[in-house]
Amino acid sequence: MRALRLVSQSLLPFVAGLAVLSMISKGLSGSWAIVLMVAGINIILAVSLNVVNGFTGQFSIGHAGFMAVGAYTAAKITMALRFVQIAGISSDASDQLFFLLALVAGMVAAAVAGLLVGAPSLRLRGDYLAIVTLGFNEIIRVIIENTPFLGQATGISGLPRLTNFVWVGMGVVATVVMAKRLAESTHGRALLAIREDEIAAEAMGVDTTSYKVRAFVIASAFAGLAGGLLVHLIQLCTPRSFTFIKSFEVVVMVVLGGMGSVTGSILAALVLSLALEGLREVQEFRMVMYALLLIVLMLTRPTGIFGTREIWDILPKWGRHRAQGAAGGSP
């Protein structure tokens, strides 16, 4: 009975999300749909990185490297299967099934890369881990630029436009559900213990390295999902999309939203994505205004928008304060 309840709770967000996203996608114009899809991909990246940087208290700045692994894996699969159709179903349905296969394969490849990098490097802490992950990001980029099979510096062009609003929305739902269920699980409590005091967690019998590696693998897998969605949106897979600048952008979103806050990462990714788009009309001052916005936000909220809290931790208190105020003001 408990297992059935857990399954139903896990499936409900996907069923509800699919219905809502299908209705919203019908009323979106082309330009706004693209902006929201890019914002959704950034949400996937920010929430997944928060599993490592926020929940576990580590400092990884190589998320774009795992994004590249997932993107190139998905791109090679869709290019290899673009002229193949599954018998008995329409060509569109066949393409969507192959795209799902490509995204899953990209997540698996990125997870394996996360395991290979995380197993030896997560014994390190702080700045040392940041240097290792940054180095991995650059190694992946250099390997891609020098591998003819991957298109070298020009990348892979002519990808089919398979990413749509529903695909990105479902990816966001999957990432948020993963992060929330992880935070509420025994595994999540172990990660939070590592974040608060790793030495104390080890003294209590927590296998800190093992838990950190698992969190790293999960975050890497969802970075691969974001990469696969991105390249099939822009129809181009190039190493220029996965430089360390992209990794820093995701880190900024996590820090700005609040280290350990899922809703903070969602809000920060959405705000920063829309801010960059809104400043497009003043292209020459775009990055200056973007940087000033970040400075102001970090000066006013140094712990991030939500800190380590979630929006559902704040709303009940706000509601209680309003109710108490109304009761106190009534005769």
Protein backbone atom coordinates (compact mmCIF):
# COMPACT_ATOMS: atom_id res chain seq x y z
CA MET A 1 0.00 0.00 0.00
CA ARG A 2 2.82 2.39 0.89
CA ALA A 3 4.64 1.53 -2.34
CA LEU A 4 1.47 2.20 -4.34
CA ARG A 5 1.06 5.58 -2.64
CA LEU A 6 4.67 6.51 -3.39
CA VAL A 7 4.26 5.55 -7.06
CA SER A 8 1.05 7.56 -7.37
CA GLN A 9 2.67 10.59 -5.73
CA SER A 10 5.60 10.37 -8.14
CA LEU A 11 3.44 9.95 -11.25
CA LEU A 12 0.87 12.62 -10.37
CA PRO A 13 3.17 15.62 -11.12
CA PHE A 14 3.99 14.17 -14.56
CA VAL A 15 0.36 13.52 -15.49
CA ALA A 16 -0.77 16.95 -14.27
CA GLY A 17 2.28 18.62 -15.82
CA LEU A 18 1.71 17.01 -19.21
CA ALA A 19 -1.91 18.20 -19.29
CA VAL A 20 -1.05 21.77 -18.25
CA LEU A 21 1.96 22.06 -20.56
CA SER A 22 -0.04 20.80 -23.55
CA MET A 23 -2.67 23.50 -22.96
CA ILE A 24 -0.11 26.28 -22.45
CA SER A 25 1.92 25.34 -25.54
CA LYS A 26 -1.09 25.92 -27.81
CA GLY A 27 -1.29 29.60 -26.83
CA LEU A 28 2.43 30.45 -27.00
CA SER A 29 3.92 32.45 -29.85
CA GLY A 30 7.19 31.33 -31.44
CA SER A 31 9.49 33.89 -29.80
CA TRP A 32 8.05 33.55 -26.30
CA ALA A 33 8.08 29.78 -26.56
CA ILE A 34 11.82 29.81 -27.32
CA VAL A 35 12.56 32.20 -24.42
CA LEU A 36 10.60 30.02 -21.99
CA MET A 37 12.24 26.86 -23.29
CA VAL A 38 15.72 28.34 -22.73
CA ALA A 39 14.61 29.39 -19.23
CA GLY A 40 13.32 25.84 -18.60
CA ILE A 41 16.65 24.33 -19.66
CA ASN A 42 18.42 26.71 -17.29
CA ILE A 43 16.07 25.60 -14.50
CA ILE A 44 17.05 21.97 -15.12
CA LEU A 45 20.73 22.94 -14.93
CA ALA A 46 20.36 25.08 -11.79
CA VAL A 47 18.23 22.60 -9.83
CA SER A 48 20.50 19.67 -10.74
CA LEU A 49 23.67 21.58 -9.78
CA ASN A 50 21.99 22.53 -6.50
CA VAL A 51 22.01 18.84 -5.58
CA VAL A 52 25.82 19.04 -5.41
CA ASN A 53 26.50 22.66 -4.47
CA GLY A 54 23.44 23.22 -2.28
CA PHE A 55 22.41 19.92 -0.72
CA THR A 56 25.92 18.49 -0.31
CA GLY A 57 27.84 21.75 0.21
CA GLN A 58 30.48 20.96 -2.42
CA PHE A 59 31.61 23.44 -5.09
CA SER A 60 31.46 22.11 -8.64
CA ILE A 61 31.99 24.48 -11.58
CA GLY A 62 32.15 21.98 -14.41
CA HIS A 63 28.44 21.39 -15.03
CA ALA A 64 28.72 22.37 -18.71
CA GLY A 65 31.11 19.47 -19.28
CA PHE A 66 28.45 16.91 -18.31
CA MET A 67 25.95 18.92 -20.32
CA ALA A 68 28.23 18.48 -23.36
CA VAL A 69 28.49 14.71 -22.84
CA GLY A 70 24.70 14.36 -22.81
CA ALA A 71 24.26 16.75 -25.74
CA TYR A 72 26.71 15.01 -28.06
CA THR A 73 25.42 11.54 -27.13
CA ALA A 74 21.83 12.56 -27.88
CA ALA A 75 22.84 14.39 -31.06
CA LYS A 76 24.74 11.40 -32.50
CA ILE A 77 21.80 9.07 -31.80
CA THR A 78 19.17 11.33 -33.40
CA MET A 79 21.39 11.92 -36.44
CA ALA A 80 21.94 8.17 -36.83
CA LEU A 81 18.19 7.43 -36.57
CA ARG A 82 16.76 10.43 -38.46
CA PHE A 83 15.80 8.35 -41.52
CA VAL A 84 14.54 5.36 -39.51
CA GLN A 85 10.85 4.89 -38.74
CA ILE A 86 9.26 2.39 -36.38
CA ALA A 87 6.76 0.22 -38.23
CA GLY A 88 3.12 0.65 -37.33
CA ILE A 89 3.26 4.22 -36.01
CA SER A 90 3.45 7.66 -37.61
CA SER A 91 6.77 9.29 -38.45
CA ASP A 92 6.21 12.00 -35.79
CA ALA A 93 5.56 9.42 -33.07
CA SER A 94 8.61 7.45 -34.20
CA ASP A 95 10.79 10.56 -34.04
CA GLN A 96 9.52 11.36 -30.53
CA LEU A 97 10.31 7.84 -29.31
CA PHE A 98 13.80 8.03 -30.78
CA PHE A 99 14.24 11.43 -29.15
CA LEU A 100 13.26 9.96 -25.77
CA LEU A 101 15.82 7.19 -26.35
CA ALA A 102 18.47 9.79 -27.23
CA LEU A 103 17.75 11.87 -24.11
CA VAL A 104 17.90 8.81 -21.84
CA ALA A 105 21.17 7.70 -23.48
CA GLY A 106 22.55 11.22 -22.97
CA MET A 107 21.62 11.09 -19.28
CA VAL A 108 23.29 7.70 -18.88
CA ALA A 109 26.47 8.87 -20.66
CA ALA A 110 26.61 12.02 -18.52
CA ALA A 111 26.02 9.95 -15.36
CA VAL A 112 28.91 7.64 -16.29
CA ALA A 113 31.12 10.68 -16.87
CA GLY A 114 30.02 12.00 -13.48
CA LEU A 115 30.97 8.71 -11.86
CA LEU A 116 34.40 8.67 -13.54
CA VAL A 117 35.11 12.23 -12.43
CA GLY A 118 33.39 12.11 -9.05
CA ALA A 119 34.78 8.85 -7.68
CA PRO A 120 38.39 10.09 -7.42
CA SER A 121 37.80 13.85 -7.10
CA LEU A 122 35.07 13.95 -4.43
CA ARG A 123 37.58 12.89 -1.81
CA LEU A 124 38.75 16.49 -2.23
CA ARG A 125 36.96 19.48 -0.73
CA GLY A 126 36.36 23.15 -1.43
CA ASP A 127 38.62 24.87 -3.94
CA TYR A 128 40.37 21.64 -4.92
CA LEU A 129 37.11 20.10 -6.11
CA ALA A 130 36.26 23.29 -8.03
CA ILE A 131 39.61 23.13 -9.84
CA VAL A 132 39.11 19.45 -10.76
CA THR A 133 35.60 20.00 -12.16
CA LEU A 134 36.71 23.08 -14.07
CA GLY A 135 39.58 21.07 -15.52
CA PHE A 136 37.15 18.32 -16.58
CA ASN A 137 35.01 20.91 -18.35
CA GLU A 138 38.00 22.10 -20.38
CA ILE A 139 39.20 18.55 -21.10
CA ILE A 140 35.81 17.64 -22.56
CA ARG A 141 35.76 20.78 -24.71
CA VAL A 142 39.29 20.18 -26.04
CA ILE A 143 38.54 16.50 -26.79
CA ILE A 144 35.43 17.50 -28.76
CA GLU A 145 37.30 20.18 -30.71
CA ASN A 146 39.92 17.61 -31.79
CA THR A 147 37.66 14.64 -32.58
CA PRO A 148 36.46 14.42 -36.22
CA PHE A 149 33.67 12.01 -35.23
CA LEU A 150 32.16 14.80 -33.09
CA GLY A 151 32.53 17.51 -35.72
CA GLN A 152 35.54 19.17 -34.07
CA ALA A 153 35.20 22.95 -33.55
CA THR A 154 32.29 23.30 -36.00
CA GLY A 155 30.22 20.72 -34.13
CA ILE A 156 27.21 18.82 -35.44
CA SER A 157 24.75 20.88 -37.48
CA GLY A 158 21.41 20.06 -39.08
CA LEU A 159 19.89 18.46 -36.01
CA PRO A 160 16.12 17.89 -36.19
CA ARG A 161 14.01 20.37 -34.21
CA LEU A 162 12.66 17.88 -31.67
CA THR A 163 12.70 19.96 -28.49
CA ASN A 164 9.40 21.70 -27.80
CA PHE A 165 7.71 23.37 -24.84
CA VAL A 166 6.22 20.11 -23.56
CA TRP A 167 9.56 18.27 -23.64
CA VAL A 168 11.31 21.06 -21.72
CA GLY A 169 8.43 21.37 -19.26
CA MET A 170 8.44 17.66 -18.52
CA GLY A 171 12.21 17.82 -18.06
CA VAL A 172 11.71 20.60 -15.49
CA VAL A 173 9.03 18.54 -13.70
CA ALA A 174 11.32 15.49 -13.62
CA THR A 175 14.22 17.52 -12.23
CA VAL A 176 12.16 19.26 -9.54
CA VAL A 177 10.48 15.99 -8.48
CA MET A 178 13.91 14.35 -8.28
CA ALA A 179 15.34 17.16 -6.13
CA LYS A 180 12.34 17.34 -3.81
CA ARG A 181 12.11 13.57 -3.29
CA LEU A 182 15.87 13.40 -2.78
CA ALA A 183 15.82 16.18 -0.16
CA GLU A 184 13.06 14.40 1.78
CA SER A 185 14.72 10.97 1.66
CA THR A 186 17.27 9.33 3.97
CA HIS A 187 19.86 9.93 1.26
CA GLY A 188 18.97 13.63 1.23
CA ARG A 189 19.30 13.91 5.01
CA ALA A 190 22.77 12.38 4.74
CA LEU A 191 23.70 14.96 2.10
CA LEU A 192 22.45 17.79 4.32
CA ALA A 193 24.48 16.38 7.21
CA ILE A 194 27.58 16.44 5.00
CA ARG A 195 26.84 20.05 4.08
CA GLU A 196 26.50 21.16 7.69
CA ASP A 197 29.55 19.33 9.06
CA GLU A 198 31.32 16.64 7.05
CA ILE A 199 33.57 15.56 9.93
CA ALA A 200 30.60 15.14 12.27
CA ALA A 201 28.73 13.19 9.57
CA GLU A 202 31.68 10.83 9.20
CA ALA A 203 31.80 10.39 12.98
CA MET A 204 28.12 9.37 12.91
CA GLY A 205 28.89 6.64 10.37
CA VAL A 206 27.90 8.39 7.13
CA ASP A 207 29.97 7.23 4.16
CA THR A 208 30.52 10.79 2.96
CA THR A 209 32.47 9.99 -0.21
CA SER A 210 29.87 7.46 -1.39
CA TYR A 211 26.98 9.86 -0.81
CA LYS A 212 28.79 12.72 -2.54
CA VAL A 213 29.54 10.56 -5.56
CA ARG A 214 25.87 9.51 -5.85
CA ALA A 215 24.73 13.14 -5.69
CA PHE A 216 27.34 14.04 -8.31
CA VAL A 217 26.15 11.27 -10.64
CA ILE A 218 22.49 12.32 -10.29
CA ALA A 219 23.35 15.98 -11.00
CA SER A 220 25.48 14.99 -14.00
CA ALA A 221 22.65 12.90 -15.49
CA PHE A 222 20.22 15.83 -15.43
CA ALA A 223 22.89 18.13 -16.86
CA GLY A 224 23.06 15.65 -19.76
CA LEU A 225 19.28 15.93 -20.14
CA ALA A 226 19.55 19.74 -20.36
CA GLY A 227 22.29 19.41 -22.98
CA GLY A 228 20.21 17.08 -25.14
CA LEU A 229 17.22 19.43 -24.98
CA LEU A 230 19.33 22.50 -25.79
CA VAL A 231 21.03 21.19 -28.93
CA HIS A 232 17.74 19.91 -30.36
CA LEU A 233 16.26 23.36 -29.75
CA ILE A 234 18.98 25.38 -31.49
CA GLN A 235 19.60 22.52 -34.00
CA LEU A 236 23.34 22.80 -33.49
CA CYS A 237 25.74 20.96 -31.19
CA THR A 238 28.99 22.91 -30.85
CA PRO A 239 31.65 23.04 -28.11
CA ARG A 240 31.12 26.83 -27.91
CA SER A 241 27.85 26.14 -26.10
CA PHE A 242 29.62 24.27 -23.28
CA THR A 243 32.51 26.47 -22.18
CA PHE A 244 33.34 27.24 -18.55
CA ILE A 245 31.34 30.48 -18.96
CA LYS A 246 28.19 28.36 -19.16
CA SER A 247 29.22 26.54 -15.98
CA PHE A 248 29.69 29.85 -14.19
CA GLU A 249 26.25 31.03 -15.35
CA VAL A 250 24.66 27.99 -13.71
CA VAL A 251 26.66 28.50 -10.51
CA VAL A 252 25.42 32.12 -10.39
CA MET A 253 21.83 30.90 -10.65
CA VAL A 254 22.33 28.46 -7.78
CA VAL A 255 24.04 31.02 -5.52
CA LEU A 256 21.52 33.73 -6.33
CA GLY A 257 18.53 31.49 -5.66
CA GLY A 258 19.98 30.14 -2.42
CA MET A 259 22.29 27.20 -1.82
CA GLY A 260 20.02 24.26 -1.06
CA SER A 261 16.74 25.85 -2.16
CA VAL A 262 15.01 24.16 -5.11
CA THR A 263 12.46 26.94 -5.54
CA GLY A 264 15.25 29.49 -5.23
CA SER A 265 17.10 27.87 -8.13
CA ILE A 266 13.91 27.85 -10.20
CA LEU A 267 13.20 31.52 -9.54
CA ALA A 268 16.81 32.64 -10.11
CA ALA A 269 17.10 30.71 -13.39
CA LEU A 270 13.80 32.16 -14.59
CA VAL A 271 14.65 35.75 -13.56
CA LEU A 272 18.17 35.71 -15.05
CA SER A 273 17.02 34.07 -18.30
CA LEU A 274 14.24 36.63 -18.76
CA ALA A 275 16.56 39.49 -17.73
CA LEU A 276 19.07 38.57 -20.43
CA GLU A 277 16.28 38.45 -22.99
CA GLY A 278 14.76 41.74 -21.79
CA LEU A 279 18.12 43.50 -22.09
CA ARG A 280 18.61 42.36 -25.68
CA GLU A 281 17.39 45.73 -27.00
CA VAL A 282 20.31 47.49 -25.28
CA GLN A 283 22.90 45.03 -26.56
CA GLU A 284 25.91 47.28 -25.90
CA PHE A 285 25.01 47.64 -22.19
CA ARG A 286 23.43 44.22 -21.77
CA MET A 287 26.17 42.47 -19.80
CA VAL A 288 26.95 45.59 -17.74
CA MET A 289 23.32 45.89 -16.61
CA TYR A 290 23.19 42.13 -16.01
CA ALA A 291 26.29 42.33 -13.79
CA LEU A 292 24.86 45.31 -11.87
CA LEU A 293 21.65 43.36 -11.28
CA LEU A 294 23.65 40.48 -9.80
CA ILE A 295 25.69 42.85 -7.59
CA VAL A 296 22.56 44.53 -6.22
CA LEU A 297 20.88 41.20 -5.53
CA MET A 298 23.90 39.74 -3.76
CA LEU A 299 24.34 42.91 -1.66
CA THR A 300 20.71 42.88 -0.57
CA ARG A 301 20.41 39.08 -0.25
CA PRO A 302 23.89 37.62 0.38
CA THR A 303 22.44 34.19 1.19
CA GLY A 304 20.39 34.16 -2.00
CA ILE A 305 16.72 34.84 -2.59
CA PHE A 306 15.48 31.95 -0.42
CA GLY A 307 18.65 30.93 1.44
CA THR A 308 18.24 27.26 2.31
CA ARG A 309 14.45 27.51 2.58
CA GLU A 310 11.72 26.64 0.11
CA ILE A 311 8.72 28.73 -0.85
CA TRP A 312 6.40 26.34 1.03
CA ASP A 313 8.41 27.08 4.21
CA ILE A 314 7.75 30.82 3.81
CA LEU A 315 4.15 30.98 2.58
CA PRO A 316 2.52 29.38 5.67
CA LYS A 317 4.30 31.87 7.97
CA TRP A 318 3.23 34.76 5.74
CA GLY A 319 -0.34 33.47 5.85
CA ARG A 320 -0.26 33.11 9.65
CA HIS A 321 1.08 36.65 10.08
CA ARG A 322 -1.71 38.03 7.92
CA ALA A 323 -4.32 36.03 9.82
CA GLN A 324 -2.96 37.20 13.17
CA GLY A 325 -2.90 40.79 11.94
CA ALA A 326 -6.50 40.57 10.80
CA ALA A 327 -7.54 39.01 14.09
CA GLY A 328 -5.70 41.67 16.09
CA GLY A 329 -7.32 44.47 14.11
CA SER A 330 -10.85 43.13 14.44
CA PRO A 331 -13.03 44.46 17.27
